Amino acid sequence: MSTLNLSKTERIDVRASAPVKQLLQEAARACHKNVSEFLLDAGVTAAAQTLADRRQFVLDETQWQAFQEAL
């Protein structure tokens, strides 16, 4: 997922160990991004997936019937 195309007015500060920073820098370079772009893209993707898992669920026909009966 691409980072939302909005004006960037907020700041997020992150502290990391040297090995984690190096890993993030290497991964960002591999994606032809700077570390901020890499972290934002990865963070937005993870956040959207985390929230989607809590907002949406899929049931087959049998599960749907059981769900409706439980209501």
Protein backbone atom coordinates (compact mmCIF):
# COMPACT_ATOMS: atom_id res chain seq x y z
CA MET A 1 0.00 0.00 0.00
CA SER A 2 1.35 3.38 -0.90
CA THR A 3 1.50 6.09 1.72
CA LEU A 4 -1.52 8.37 1.55
CA ASN A 5 -0.79 11.39 -0.62
CA LEU A 6 -1.47 14.12 1.93
CA SER A 7 0.51 17.09 3.15
CA LYS A 8 3.03 15.85 5.72
CA THR A 9 2.79 18.14 8.72
CA GLU A 10 3.24 15.67 11.58
CA ARG A 11 6.47 14.19 12.87
CA ILE A 12 7.08 10.69 14.21
CA ASP A 13 10.30 10.02 16.13
CA VAL A 14 11.63 6.48 16.41
CA ARG A 15 14.56 5.17 18.41
CA ALA A 16 16.25 1.97 17.28
CA SER A 17 19.41 0.01 17.97
CA ALA A 18 22.27 0.33 15.51
CA PRO A 19 21.62 -3.10 13.95
CA VAL A 20 17.92 -2.30 13.45
CA LYS A 21 18.77 1.06 11.90
CA GLN A 22 21.22 -0.61 9.54
CA LEU A 23 18.63 -3.23 8.58
CA LEU A 24 16.05 -0.54 7.84
CA GLN A 25 18.54 1.45 5.79
CA GLU A 26 19.47 -1.61 3.73
CA ALA A 27 15.83 -2.51 3.15
CA ALA A 28 14.99 1.06 2.17
CA ARG A 29 17.87 1.13 -0.33
CA ALA A 30 16.68 -2.19 -1.80
CA CYS A 31 13.27 -0.56 -2.41
CA HIS A 32 14.84 2.65 -3.80
CA LYS A 33 13.35 4.66 -0.93
CA ASN A 34 14.71 6.66 1.94
CA VAL A 35 14.19 5.30 5.45
CA SER A 36 11.25 7.63 6.15
CA GLU A 37 9.42 6.53 3.00
CA PHE A 38 10.16 2.88 3.74
CA LEU A 39 8.92 3.12 7.34
CA LEU A 40 5.80 5.06 6.37
CA ASP A 41 4.86 2.63 3.60
CA ALA A 42 5.47 -0.41 5.81
CA GLY A 43 3.73 1.19 8.79
CA VAL A 44 0.65 2.27 6.83
CA THR A 45 0.36 -1.19 5.28
CA ALA A 46 0.67 -2.90 8.67
CA ALA A 47 -1.80 -0.48 10.29
CA ALA A 48 -4.39 -0.96 7.55
CA GLN A 49 -4.07 -4.76 7.78
CA THR A 50 -4.31 -4.71 11.57
CA LEU A 51 -7.48 -2.61 11.48
CA ALA A 52 -9.01 -4.58 8.60
CA ASP A 53 -8.60 -7.77 10.63
CA ARG A 54 -10.72 -6.17 13.33
CA ARG A 55 -13.33 -4.58 11.06
CA GLN A 56 -14.03 -7.27 8.51
CA PHE A 57 -14.49 -11.00 8.76
CA VAL A 58 -15.53 -13.55 6.17
CA LEU A 59 -17.85 -16.47 6.83
CA ASP A 60 -18.89 -19.35 4.64
CA GLU A 61 -22.61 -20.19 4.36
CA THR A 62 -22.62 -22.56 7.35
CA GLN A 63 -20.77 -20.10 9.55
CA TRP A 64 -23.09 -17.28 8.43
CA GLN A 65 -26.16 -19.31 9.39
CA ALA A 66 -24.67 -20.09 12.81
CA PHE A 67 -23.81 -16.43 13.27
CA GLN A 68 -27.35 -15.32 12.41
CA GLU A 69 -28.84 -17.90 14.76
CA ALA A 70 -26.58 -16.69 17.56
CA LEU A 71 -27.97 -13.19 17.16
